[in-house]
Amino acid sequence: MPFFRMTKTILKSLFKKPATVKYPFGGARVYHKNTRGKVLIEVQNCIFCGICQRKCPTAAIMVAKTDKKWSINRLRCISCGACVDVCPKKCLKLDTQYTPAQTEKNKEDFKQNA
């Protein structure tokens, strides 16, 4: 009896599309619309209130109101979306693309042009 169950599974698998993609030849991966990738900022709309910095559970965001500078440490960010939810001007959003691999511990700085 187990042989017939196994044969049934094999025959089903023969006519189905594979569950995996042959990387890198399988094409670019399409992410789901609700994928939580990296945090993006529209620095022109930011008022540098610092709420995102206070709500970040990993302290990945730094806001300097006097310098009008916003920075994020991508290695510390867990893409939880807490900063996006509390932003009063809605200038933060979660992108569906992930952050590329990094070789150095650095942070990204965004400065508002006056």
PDB file of N, CA and C in Angstrom:
ATOM      1  N   MET A   1       0.791  -1.215   0.000  1.00  0.00           N
ATOM      2  CA  MET A   1       0.000   0.000   0.000  1.00  0.00           C
ATOM      3  C   MET A   1       0.837   1.285   0.000  1.00  0.00           C
ATOM      4  N   PRO A   2       1.944   1.347   0.755  1.00  0.00           N
ATOM      5  CA  PRO A   2       2.743   2.580   0.725  1.00  0.00           C
ATOM      6  C   PRO A   2       3.286   2.873  -0.669  1.00  0.00           C
ATOM      7  N   PHE A   3       3.512   1.843  -1.468  1.00  0.00           N
ATOM      8  CA  PHE A   3       4.031   2.042  -2.814  1.00  0.00           C
ATOM      9  C   PHE A   3       3.035   2.835  -3.666  1.00  0.00           C
ATOM     10  N   PHE A   4       1.747   2.551  -3.528  1.00  0.00           N
ATOM     11  CA  PHE A   4       0.735   3.248  -4.323  1.00  0.00           C
ATOM     12  C   PHE A   4       0.591   4.715  -3.891  1.00  0.00           C
ATOM     13  N   ARG A   5       0.720   4.968  -2.589  1.00  0.00           N
ATOM     14  CA  ARG A   5       0.672   6.348  -2.112  1.00  0.00           C
ATOM     15  C   ARG A   5       1.865   7.143  -2.649  1.00  0.00           C
ATOM     16  N   MET A   6       3.027   6.504  -2.646  1.00  0.00           N
ATOM     17  CA  MET A   6       4.219   7.168  -3.136  1.00  0.00           C
ATOM     18  C   MET A   6       4.102   7.420  -4.641  1.00  0.00           C
ATOM     19  N   THR A   7       3.556   6.465  -5.377  1.00  0.00           N
ATOM     20  CA  THR A   7       3.384   6.614  -6.815  1.00  0.00           C
ATOM     21  C   THR A   7       2.428   7.770  -7.123  1.00  0.00           C
ATOM     22  N   LYS A   8       1.404   7.900  -6.345  1.00  0.00           N
ATOM     23  CA  LYS A   8       0.445   8.992  -6.521  1.00  0.00           C
ATOM     24  C   LYS A   8       1.137  10.345  -6.333  1.00  0.00           C
ATOM     25  N   THR A   9       1.977  10.456  -5.307  1.00  0.00           N
ATOM     26  CA  THR A   9       2.715  11.689  -5.052  1.00  0.00           C
ATOM     27  C   THR A   9       3.696  11.991  -6.184  1.00  0.00           C
ATOM     28  N   ILE A  10       4.357  10.974  -6.684  1.00  0.00           N
ATOM     29  CA  ILE A  10       5.312  11.168  -7.777  1.00  0.00           C
ATOM     30  C   ILE A  10       4.599  11.642  -9.036  1.00  0.00           C
ATOM     31  N   LEU A  11       3.482  11.058  -9.362  1.00  0.00           N
ATOM     32  CA  LEU A  11       2.747  11.452 -10.560  1.00  0.00           C
ATOM     33  C   LEU A  11       2.216  12.887 -10.446  1.00  0.00           C
ATOM     34  N   LYS A  12       1.798  13.291  -9.258  1.00  0.00           N
ATOM     35  CA  LYS A  12       1.356  14.674  -9.053  1.00  0.00           C
ATOM     36  C   LYS A  12       2.510  15.645  -9.266  1.00  0.00           C
ATOM     37  N   SER A  13       3.669  15.291  -8.737  1.00  0.00           N
ATOM     38  CA  SER A  13       4.835  16.174  -8.822  1.00  0.00           C
ATOM     39  C   SER A  13       5.366  16.301 -10.241  1.00  0.00           C
ATOM     40  N   LEU A  14       5.167  15.310 -11.060  1.00  0.00           N
ATOM     41  CA  LEU A  14       5.659  15.356 -12.430  1.00  0.00           C
ATOM     42  C   LEU A  14       4.972  16.438 -13.255  1.00  0.00           C
ATOM     43  N   PHE A  15       3.741  16.716 -12.962  1.00  0.00           N
ATOM     44  CA  PHE A  15       2.964  17.652 -13.771  1.00  0.00           C
ATOM     45  C   PHE A  15       2.768  19.019 -13.114  1.00  0.00           C
ATOM     46  N   LYS A  16       3.445  19.253 -12.016  1.00  0.00           N
ATOM     47  CA  LYS A  16       3.347  20.531 -11.318  1.00  0.00           C
ATOM     48  C   LYS A  16       4.577  21.376 -11.581  1.00  0.00           C
ATOM     49  N   LYS A  17       4.413  22.680 -11.448  1.00  0.00           N
ATOM     50  CA  LYS A  17       5.532  23.606 -11.539  1.00  0.00           C
ATOM     51  C   LYS A  17       6.382  23.455 -10.266  1.00  0.00           C
ATOM     52  N   PRO A  18       7.721  23.516 -10.371  1.00  0.00           N
ATOM     53  CA  PRO A  18       8.550  23.355  -9.171  1.00  0.00           C
ATOM     54  C   PRO A  18       8.340  24.500  -8.169  1.00  0.00           C
ATOM     55  N   ALA A  19       8.519  24.184  -6.897  1.00  0.00           N
ATOM     56  CA  ALA A  19       8.306  25.169  -5.844  1.00  0.00           C
ATOM     57  C   ALA A  19       9.477  26.130  -5.712  1.00  0.00           C
ATOM     58  N   THR A  20      10.625  25.758  -6.233  1.00  0.00           N
ATOM     59  CA  THR A  20      11.817  26.592  -6.112  1.00  0.00           C
ATOM     60  C   THR A  20      12.178  27.234  -7.444  1.00  0.00           C
ATOM     61  N   VAL A  21      13.034  28.247  -7.382  1.00  0.00           N
ATOM     62  CA  VAL A  21      13.503  28.950  -8.568  1.00  0.00           C
ATOM     63  C   VAL A  21      14.977  28.622  -8.747  1.00  0.00           C
ATOM     64  N   LYS A  22      15.402  28.398  -9.966  1.00  0.00           N
ATOM     65  CA  LYS A  22      16.811  28.103 -10.231  1.00  0.00           C
ATOM     66  C   LYS A  22      17.596  29.403 -10.221  1.00  0.00           C
ATOM     67  N   TYR A  23      18.092  29.759  -9.052  1.00  0.00           N
ATOM     68  CA  TYR A  23      18.836  31.004  -8.887  1.00  0.00           C
ATOM     69  C   TYR A  23      20.199  30.874  -9.527  1.00  0.00           C
ATOM     70  N   PRO A  24      20.726  31.846 -10.204  1.00  0.00           N
ATOM     71  CA  PRO A  24      20.229  33.159 -10.577  1.00  0.00           C
ATOM     72  C   PRO A  24      19.541  33.162 -11.931  1.00  0.00           C
ATOM     73  N   PHE A  25      19.318  32.010 -12.516  1.00  0.00           N
ATOM     74  CA  PHE A  25      18.766  31.939 -13.870  1.00  0.00           C
ATOM     75  C   PHE A  25      17.247  31.961 -13.895  1.00  0.00           C
ATOM     76  N   GLY A  26      16.615  31.894 -12.766  1.00  0.00           N
ATOM     77  CA  GLY A  26      15.166  31.847 -12.706  1.00  0.00           C
ATOM     78  C   GLY A  26      14.496  33.203 -12.787  1.00  0.00           C
ATOM     79  N   GLY A  27      15.254  34.257 -12.966  1.00  0.00           N
ATOM     80  CA  GLY A  27      14.661  35.597 -13.055  1.00  0.00           C
ATOM     81  C   GLY A  27      14.615  36.272 -11.702  1.00  0.00           C
ATOM     82  N   ALA A  28      14.253  37.524 -11.717  1.00  0.00           N
ATOM     83  CA  ALA A  28      14.172  38.298 -10.483  1.00  0.00           C
ATOM     84  C   ALA A  28      12.968  37.861  -9.675  1.00  0.00           C
ATOM     85  N   ARG A  29      13.150  37.826  -8.374  1.00  0.00           N
ATOM     86  CA  ARG A  29      12.068  37.413  -7.494  1.00  0.00           C
ATOM     87  C   ARG A  29      11.052  38.539  -7.361  1.00  0.00           C
ATOM     88  N   VAL A  30       9.795  38.204  -7.411  1.00  0.00           N
ATOM     89  CA  VAL A  30       8.723  39.178  -7.226  1.00  0.00           C
ATOM     90  C   VAL A  30       8.239  39.046  -5.785  1.00  0.00           C
ATOM     91  N   TYR A  31       8.338  40.147  -5.040  1.00  0.00           N
ATOM     92  CA  TYR A  31       7.941  40.119  -3.643  1.00  0.00           C
ATOM     93  C   TYR A  31       6.472  40.457  -3.485  1.00  0.00           C
ATOM     94  N   HIS A  32       5.862  39.915  -2.464  1.00  0.00           N
ATOM     95  CA  HIS A  32       4.472  40.177  -2.126  1.00  0.00           C
ATOM     96  C   HIS A  32       4.318  41.642  -1.746  1.00  0.00           C
ATOM     97  N   LYS A  33       3.168  42.230  -1.969  1.00  0.00           N
ATOM     98  CA  LYS A  33       2.983  43.661  -1.710  1.00  0.00           C
ATOM     99  C   LYS A  33       3.116  44.018  -0.231  1.00  0.00           C
ATOM    100  N   ASN A  34       2.939  43.068   0.673  1.00  0.00           N
ATOM    101  CA  ASN A  34       3.061  43.342   2.100  1.00  0.00           C
ATOM    102  C   ASN A  34       4.417  42.936   2.673  1.00  0.00           C
ATOM    103  N   THR A  35       5.389  42.671   1.816  1.00  0.00           N
ATOM    104  CA  THR A  35       6.722  42.319   2.283  1.00  0.00           C
ATOM    105  C   THR A  35       7.346  43.508   2.989  1.00  0.00           C
ATOM    106  N   ARG A  36       7.919  43.257   4.158  1.00  0.00           N
ATOM    107  CA  ARG A  36       8.573  44.331   4.901  1.00  0.00           C
ATOM    108  C   ARG A  36      10.060  44.310   4.582  1.00  0.00           C
ATOM    109  N   GLY A  37      10.469  45.180   3.678  1.00  0.00           N
ATOM    110  CA  GLY A  37      11.864  45.267   3.277  1.00  0.00           C
ATOM    111  C   GLY A  37      12.582  46.329   4.080  1.00  0.00           C
ATOM    112  N   LYS A  38      13.113  47.336   3.417  1.00  0.00           N
ATOM    113  CA  LYS A  38      13.865  48.386   4.111  1.00  0.00           C
ATOM    114  C   LYS A  38      13.017  49.631   4.300  1.00  0.00           C
ATOM    115  N   VAL A  39      13.409  50.434   5.272  1.00  0.00           N
ATOM    116  CA  VAL A  39      12.713  51.685   5.572  1.00  0.00           C
ATOM    117  C   VAL A  39      13.229  52.767   4.625  1.00  0.00           C
ATOM    118  N   LEU A  40      12.311  53.466   3.988  1.00  0.00           N
ATOM    119  CA  LEU A  40      12.643  54.588   3.115  1.00  0.00           C
ATOM    120  C   LEU A  40      12.107  55.872   3.720  1.00  0.00           C
ATOM    121  N   ILE A  41      12.779  56.980   3.440  1.00  0.00           N
ATOM    122  CA  ILE A  41      12.337  58.275   3.954  1.00  0.00           C
ATOM    123  C   ILE A  41      12.283  59.291   2.822  1.00  0.00           C
ATOM    124  N   GLU A  42      11.265  60.122   2.862  1.00  0.00           N
ATOM    125  CA  GLU A  42      11.181  61.302   1.997  1.00  0.00           C
ATOM    126  C   GLU A  42      11.624  62.467   2.872  1.00  0.00           C
ATOM    127  N   VAL A  43      12.913  62.742   2.863  1.00  0.00           N
ATOM    128  CA  VAL A  43      13.499  63.697   3.798  1.00  0.00           C
ATOM    129  C   VAL A  43      12.975  65.120   3.584  1.00  0.00           C
ATOM    130  N   GLN A  44      12.458  65.434   2.401  1.00  0.00           N
ATOM    131  CA  GLN A  44      11.918  66.761   2.157  1.00  0.00           C
ATOM    132  C   GLN A  44      10.655  67.010   2.988  1.00  0.00           C
ATOM    133  N   ASN A  45       9.909  65.949   3.294  1.00  0.00           N
ATOM    134  CA  ASN A  45       8.670  66.097   4.055  1.00  0.00           C
ATOM    135  C   ASN A  45       8.869  65.936   5.558  1.00  0.00           C
ATOM    136  N   CYS A  46      10.048  65.523   5.979  1.00  0.00           N
ATOM    137  CA  CYS A  46      10.311  65.238   7.400  1.00  0.00           C
ATOM    138  C   CYS A  46      10.403  66.534   8.202  1.00  0.00           C
ATOM    139  N   ILE A  47       9.813  66.523   9.403  1.00  0.00           N
ATOM    140  CA  ILE A  47       9.893  67.683  10.297  1.00  0.00           C
ATOM    141  C   ILE A  47      10.890  67.433  11.430  1.00  0.00           C
ATOM    142  N   PHE A  48      11.568  66.294  11.414  1.00  0.00           N
ATOM    143  CA  PHE A  48      12.609  65.929  12.373  1.00  0.00           C
ATOM    144  C   PHE A  48      12.111  66.017  13.810  1.00  0.00           C
ATOM    145  N   CYS A  49      10.935  65.443  14.050  1.00  0.00           N
ATOM    146  CA  CYS A  49      10.339  65.471  15.387  1.00  0.00           C
ATOM    147  C   CYS A  49      10.997  64.454  16.328  1.00  0.00           C
ATOM    148  N   GLY A  50      11.538  63.368  15.796  1.00  0.00           N
ATOM    149  CA  GLY A  50      12.230  62.376  16.614  1.00  0.00           C
ATOM    150  C   GLY A  50      11.342  61.288  17.177  1.00  0.00           C
ATOM    151  N   ILE A  51      10.073  61.261  16.800  1.00  0.00           N
ATOM    152  CA  ILE A  51       9.180  60.219  17.299  1.00  0.00           C
ATOM    153  C   ILE A  51       9.620  58.846  16.791  1.00  0.00           C
ATOM    154  N   CYS A  52      10.062  58.794  15.545  1.00  0.00           N
ATOM    155  CA  CYS A  52      10.525  57.516  14.976  1.00  0.00           C
ATOM    156  C   CYS A  52      11.736  56.997  15.744  1.00  0.00           C
ATOM    157  N   GLN A  53      12.607  57.889  16.181  1.00  0.00           N
ATOM    158  CA  GLN A  53      13.786  57.499  16.948  1.00  0.00           C
ATOM    159  C   GLN A  53      13.380  56.917  18.300  1.00  0.00           C
ATOM    160  N   ARG A  54      12.401  57.532  18.939  1.00  0.00           N
ATOM    161  CA  ARG A  54      11.961  57.057  20.254  1.00  0.00           C
ATOM    162  C   ARG A  54      11.216  55.734  20.169  1.00  0.00           C
ATOM    163  N   LYS A  55      10.483  55.504  19.083  1.00  0.00           N
ATOM    164  CA  LYS A  55       9.693  54.283  18.961  1.00  0.00           C
ATOM    165  C   LYS A  55      10.481  53.094  18.413  1.00  0.00           C
ATOM    166  N   CYS A  56      11.654  53.328  17.849  1.00  0.00           N
ATOM    167  CA  CYS A  56      12.451  52.247  17.271  1.00  0.00           C
ATOM    168  C   CYS A  56      12.940  51.304  18.379  1.00  0.00           C
ATOM    169  N   PRO A  57      12.551  50.027  18.362  1.00  0.00           N
ATOM    170  CA  PRO A  57      12.934  49.109  19.445  1.00  0.00           C
ATOM    171  C   PRO A  57      14.422  48.760  19.454  1.00  0.00           C
ATOM    172  N   THR A  58      15.124  48.951  18.353  1.00  0.00           N
ATOM    173  CA  THR A  58      16.544  48.594  18.295  1.00  0.00           C
ATOM    174  C   THR A  58      17.460  49.808  18.267  1.00  0.00           C
ATOM    175  N   ALA A  59      16.913  50.990  18.375  1.00  0.00           N
ATOM    176  CA  ALA A  59      17.676  52.245  18.334  1.00  0.00           C
ATOM    177  C   ALA A  59      18.495  52.353  17.056  1.00  0.00           C
ATOM    178  N   ALA A  60      17.889  51.988  15.935  1.00  0.00           N
ATOM    179  CA  ALA A  60      18.574  52.038  14.642  1.00  0.00           C
ATOM    180  C   ALA A  60      18.472  53.414  14.002  1.00  0.00           C
ATOM    181  N   ILE A  61      17.540  54.241  14.449  1.00  0.00           N
ATOM    182  CA  ILE A  61      17.306  55.551  13.832  1.00  0.00           C
ATOM    183  C   ILE A  61      17.847  56.652  14.731  1.00  0.00           C
ATOM    184  N   MET A  62      18.539  57.602  14.104  1.00  0.00           N
ATOM    185  CA  MET A  62      19.037  58.779  14.816  1.00  0.00           C
ATOM    186  C   MET A  62      18.526  60.026  14.087  1.00  0.00           C
ATOM    187  N   VAL A  63      17.958  60.971  14.847  1.00  0.00           N
ATOM    188  CA  VAL A  63      17.428  62.203  14.279  1.00  0.00           C
ATOM    189  C   VAL A  63      18.122  63.384  14.949  1.00  0.00           C
ATOM    190  N   ALA A  64      18.691  64.255  14.129  1.00  0.00           N
ATOM    191  CA  ALA A  64      19.311  65.482  14.636  1.00  0.00           C
ATOM    192  C   ALA A  64      18.496  66.659  14.113  1.00  0.00           C
ATOM    193  N   LYS A  65      17.678  67.222  14.998  1.00  0.00           N
ATOM    194  CA  LYS A  65      16.775  68.298  14.584  1.00  0.00           C
ATOM    195  C   LYS A  65      17.541  69.563  14.209  1.00  0.00           C
ATOM    196  N   THR A  66      18.611  69.866  14.929  1.00  0.00           N
ATOM    197  CA  THR A  66      19.363  71.092  14.654  1.00  0.00           C
ATOM    198  C   THR A  66      20.063  71.035  13.300  1.00  0.00           C
ATOM    199  N   ASP A  67      20.589  69.872  12.933  1.00  0.00           N
ATOM    200  CA  ASP A  67      21.293  69.712  11.655  1.00  0.00           C
ATOM    201  C   ASP A  67      20.354  69.300  10.515  1.00  0.00           C
ATOM    202  N   LYS A  68      19.088  69.012  10.862  1.00  0.00           N
ATOM    203  CA  LYS A  68      18.110  68.491   9.901  1.00  0.00           C
ATOM    204  C   LYS A  68      18.676  67.255   9.199  1.00  0.00           C
ATOM    205  N   LYS A  69      19.073  66.292  10.046  1.00  0.00           N
ATOM    206  CA  LYS A  69      19.726  65.084   9.566  1.00  0.00           C
ATOM    207  C   LYS A  69      19.016  63.861  10.148  1.00  0.00           C
ATOM    208  N   TRP A  70      18.746  62.898   9.305  1.00  0.00           N
ATOM    209  CA  TRP A  70      18.086  61.644   9.689  1.00  0.00           C
ATOM    210  C   TRP A  70      18.977  60.506   9.235  1.00  0.00           C
ATOM    211  N   SER A  71      19.294  59.575  10.122  1.00  0.00           N
ATOM    212  CA  SER A  71      20.164  58.464   9.733  1.00  0.00           C
ATOM    213  C   SER A  71      19.622  57.153  10.280  1.00  0.00           C
ATOM    214  N   ILE A  72      19.953  56.082   9.576  1.00  0.00           N
ATOM    215  CA  ILE A  72      19.512  54.749   9.973  1.00  0.00           C
ATOM    216  C   ILE A  72      20.671  53.776   9.841  1.00  0.00           C
ATOM    217  N   ASN A  73      20.799  52.929  10.841  1.00  0.00           N
ATOM    218  CA  ASN A  73      21.783  51.855  10.817  1.00  0.00           C
ATOM    219  C   ASN A  73      21.052  50.612  10.306  1.00  0.00           C
ATOM    220  N   ARG A  74      21.301  50.246   9.066  1.00  0.00           N
ATOM    221  CA  ARG A  74      20.563  49.151   8.423  1.00  0.00           C
ATOM    222  C   ARG A  74      20.816  47.800   9.084  1.00  0.00           C
ATOM    223  N   LEU A  75      21.985  47.619   9.701  1.00  0.00           N
ATOM    224  CA  LEU A  75      22.267  46.347  10.348  1.00  0.00           C
ATOM    225  C   LEU A  75      21.482  46.174  11.643  1.00  0.00           C
ATOM    226  N   ARG A  76      21.090  47.272  12.255  1.00  0.00           N
ATOM    227  CA  ARG A  76      20.298  47.191  13.489  1.00  0.00           C
ATOM    228  C   ARG A  76      18.797  47.142  13.214  1.00  0.00           C
ATOM    229  N   CYS A  77      18.372  47.683  12.092  1.00  0.00           N
ATOM    230  CA  CYS A  77      16.946  47.764  11.767  1.00  0.00           C
ATOM    231  C   CYS A  77      16.369  46.373  11.550  1.00  0.00           C
ATOM    232  N   ILE A  78      15.232  46.091  12.188  1.00  0.00           N
ATOM    233  CA  ILE A  78      14.571  44.794  12.032  1.00  0.00           C
ATOM    234  C   ILE A  78      13.319  44.894  11.167  1.00  0.00           C
ATOM    235  N   SER A  79      13.101  46.034  10.555  1.00  0.00           N
ATOM    236  CA  SER A  79      11.965  46.269   9.643  1.00  0.00           C
ATOM    237  C   SER A  79      10.626  45.930  10.287  1.00  0.00           C
ATOM    238  N   CYS A  80      10.455  46.368  11.528  1.00  0.00           N
ATOM    239  CA  CYS A  80       9.209  46.083  12.244  1.00  0.00           C
ATOM    240  C   CYS A  80       8.094  47.040  11.838  1.00  0.00           C
ATOM    241  N   GLY A  81       8.455  48.230  11.357  1.00  0.00           N
ATOM    242  CA  GLY A  81       7.452  49.191  10.923  1.00  0.00           C
ATOM    243  C   GLY A  81       6.940  50.101  12.023  1.00  0.00           C
ATOM    244  N   ALA A  82       7.519  50.048  13.210  1.00  0.00           N
ATOM    245  CA  ALA A  82       7.069  50.912  14.309  1.00  0.00           C
ATOM    246  C   ALA A  82       7.280  52.383  13.970  1.00  0.00           C
ATOM    247  N   CYS A  83       8.390  52.697  13.329  1.00  0.00           N
ATOM    248  CA  CYS A  83       8.666  54.088  12.957  1.00  0.00           C
ATOM    249  C   CYS A  83       7.700  54.583  11.889  1.00  0.00           C
ATOM    250  N   VAL A  84       7.333  53.708  10.980  1.00  0.00           N
ATOM    251  CA  VAL A  84       6.416  54.071   9.896  1.00  0.00           C
ATOM    252  C   VAL A  84       5.026  54.366  10.460  1.00  0.00           C
ATOM    253  N   ASP A  85       4.612  53.589  11.442  1.00  0.00           N
ATOM    254  CA  ASP A  85       3.284  53.753  12.023  1.00  0.00           C
ATOM    255  C   ASP A  85       3.127  55.060  12.793  1.00  0.00           C
ATOM    256  N   VAL A  86       4.198  55.536  13.444  1.00  0.00           N
ATOM    257  CA  VAL A  86       4.063  56.711  14.300  1.00  0.00           C
ATOM    258  C   VAL A  86       4.454  58.019  13.631  1.00  0.00           C
ATOM    259  N   CYS A  87       4.962  57.986  12.424  1.00  0.00           N
ATOM    260  CA  CYS A  87       5.406  59.203  11.746  1.00  0.00           C
ATOM    261  C   CYS A  87       4.206  60.130  11.478  1.00  0.00           C
ATOM    262  N   PRO A  88       4.209  61.348  12.039  1.00  0.00           N
ATOM    263  CA  PRO A  88       3.047  62.232  11.860  1.00  0.00           C
ATOM    264  C   PRO A  88       2.918  62.779  10.436  1.00  0.00           C
ATOM    265  N   LYS A  89       4.011  62.919   9.706  1.00  0.00           N
ATOM    266  CA  LYS A  89       3.965  63.446   8.339  1.00  0.00           C
ATOM    267  C   LYS A  89       3.920  62.335   7.285  1.00  0.00           C
ATOM    268  N   LYS A  90       3.976  61.073   7.717  1.00  0.00           N
ATOM    269  CA  LYS A  90       3.937  59.906   6.819  1.00  0.00           C
ATOM    270  C   LYS A  90       5.039  59.971   5.760  1.00  0.00           C
ATOM    271  N   CYS A  91       6.207  60.422   6.169  1.00  0.00           N
ATOM    272  CA  CYS A  91       7.333  60.487   5.228  1.00  0.00           C
ATOM    273  C   CYS A  91       8.171  59.207   5.261  1.00  0.00           C
ATOM    274  N   LEU A  92       7.880  58.285   6.180  1.00  0.00           N
ATOM    275  CA  LEU A  92       8.561  56.994   6.228  1.00  0.00           C
ATOM    276  C   LEU A  92       7.662  55.926   5.632  1.00  0.00           C
ATOM    277  N   LYS A  93       8.273  54.981   4.939  1.00  0.00           N
ATOM    278  CA  LYS A  93       7.505  53.850   4.428  1.00  0.00           C
ATOM    279  C   LYS A  93       8.413  52.632   4.340  1.00  0.00           C
ATOM    280  N   LEU A  94       7.799  51.455   4.323  1.00  0.00           N
ATOM    281  CA  LEU A  94       8.541  50.210   4.168  1.00  0.00           C
ATOM    282  C   LEU A  94       8.507  49.805   2.709  1.00  0.00           C
ATOM    283  N   ASP A  95       9.678  49.634   2.137  1.00  0.00           N
ATOM    284  CA  ASP A  95       9.805  49.198   0.754  1.00  0.00           C
ATOM    285  C   ASP A  95       9.653  47.678   0.708  1.00  0.00           C
ATOM    286  N   THR A  96       9.307  47.141  -0.449  1.00  0.00           N
ATOM    287  CA  THR A  96       9.198  45.684  -0.585  1.00  0.00           C
ATOM    288  C   THR A  96      10.524  45.040  -0.938  1.00  0.00           C
ATOM    289  N   GLN A  97      11.538  45.829  -1.256  1.00  0.00           N
ATOM    290  CA  GLN A  97      12.868  45.293  -1.566  1.00  0.00           C
ATOM    291  C   GLN A  97      13.724  45.284  -0.307  1.00  0.00           C
ATOM    292  N   TYR A  98      14.544  44.262  -0.176  1.00  0.00           N
ATOM    293  CA  TYR A  98      15.415  44.155   0.980  1.00  0.00           C
ATOM    294  C   TYR A  98      16.691  44.972   0.785  1.00  0.00           C
ATOM    295  N   THR A  99      17.364  45.257   1.872  1.00  0.00           N
ATOM    296  CA  THR A  99      18.639  45.961   1.829  1.00  0.00           C
ATOM    297  C   THR A  99      19.693  45.014   1.256  1.00  0.00           C
ATOM    298  N   PRO A 100      20.530  45.474   0.328  1.00  0.00           N
ATOM    299  CA  PRO A 100      21.572  44.596  -0.201  1.00  0.00           C
ATOM    300  C   PRO A 100      22.600  44.249   0.877  1.00  0.00           C
ATOM    301  N   ALA A 101      23.348  43.208   0.640  1.00  0.00           N
ATOM    302  CA  ALA A 101      24.352  42.762   1.599  1.00  0.00           C
ATOM    303  C   ALA A 101      25.390  43.851   1.838  1.00  0.00           C
ATOM    304  N   GLN A 102      25.839  43.972   3.085  1.00  0.00           N
ATOM    305  CA  GLN A 102      26.819  44.994   3.446  1.00  0.00           C
ATOM    306  C   GLN A 102      28.078  44.334   3.977  1.00  0.00           C
ATOM    307  N   THR A 103      29.198  44.973   3.723  1.00  0.00           N
ATOM    308  CA  THR A 103      30.471  44.461   4.224  1.00  0.00           C
ATOM    309  C   THR A 103      31.022  45.313   5.351  1.00  0.00           C
ATOM    310  N   GLU A 104      30.455  46.492   5.576  1.00  0.00           N
ATOM    311  CA  GLU A 104      30.919  47.393   6.620  1.00  0.00           C
ATOM    312  C   GLU A 104      29.760  47.814   7.505  1.00  0.00           C
ATOM    313  N   LYS A 105      30.081  48.111   8.751  1.00  0.00           N
ATOM    314  CA  LYS A 105      29.075  48.629   9.669  1.00  0.00           C
ATOM    315  C   LYS A 105      29.017  50.140   9.504  1.00  0.00           C
ATOM    316  N   ASN A 106      28.083  50.588   8.715  1.00  0.00           N
ATOM    317  CA  ASN A 106      27.916  52.025   8.528  1.00  0.00           C
ATOM    318  C   ASN A 106      26.436  52.359   8.541  1.00  0.00           C
ATOM    319  N   LYS A 107      26.153  53.630   8.629  1.00  0.00           N
ATOM    320  CA  LYS A 107      24.758  54.053   8.620  1.00  0.00           C
ATOM    321  C   LYS A 107      24.524  54.974   7.443  1.00  0.00           C
ATOM    322  N   GLU A 108      23.282  54.997   6.998  1.00  0.00           N
ATOM    323  CA  GLU A 108      22.908  55.875   5.884  1.00  0.00           C
ATOM    324  C   GLU A 108      22.416  57.191   6.450  1.00  0.00           C
ATOM    325  N   ASP A 109      22.969  58.282   5.945  1.00  0.00           N
ATOM    326  CA  ASP A 109      22.576  59.619   6.384  1.00  0.00           C
ATOM    327  C   ASP A 109      21.749  60.297   5.300  1.00  0.00           C
ATOM    328  N   PHE A 110      20.692  60.962   5.747  1.00  0.00           N
ATOM    329  CA  PHE A 110      19.847  61.749   4.862  1.00  0.00           C
ATOM    330  C   PHE A 110      19.770  63.147   5.448  1.00  0.00           C
ATOM    331  N   LYS A 111      20.083  64.143   4.652  1.00  0.00           N
ATOM    332  CA  LYS A 111      20.076  65.522   5.146  1.00  0.00           C
ATOM    333  C   LYS A 111      19.135  66.344   4.282  1.00  0.00           C
ATOM    334  N   GLN A 112      18.339  67.159   4.946  1.00  0.00           N
ATOM    335  CA  GLN A 112      17.395  68.017   4.229  1.00  0.00           C
ATOM    336  C   GLN A 112      18.128  69.237   3.701  1.00  0.00           C
ATOM    337  N   ASN A 113      17.953  69.502   2.433  1.00  0.00           N
ATOM    338  CA  ASN A 113      18.559  70.687   1.831  1.00  0.00           C
ATOM    339  C   ASN A 113      17.706  71.905   2.124  1.00  0.00           C
ATOM    340  N   ALA A 114      18.331  72.955   2.599  1.00  0.00           N
ATOM    341  CA  ALA A 114      17.576  74.152   2.957  1.00  0.00           C
ATOM    342  C   ALA A 114      17.293  75.012   1.750  1.00  0.00           C
TER     343      ALA A 114
END
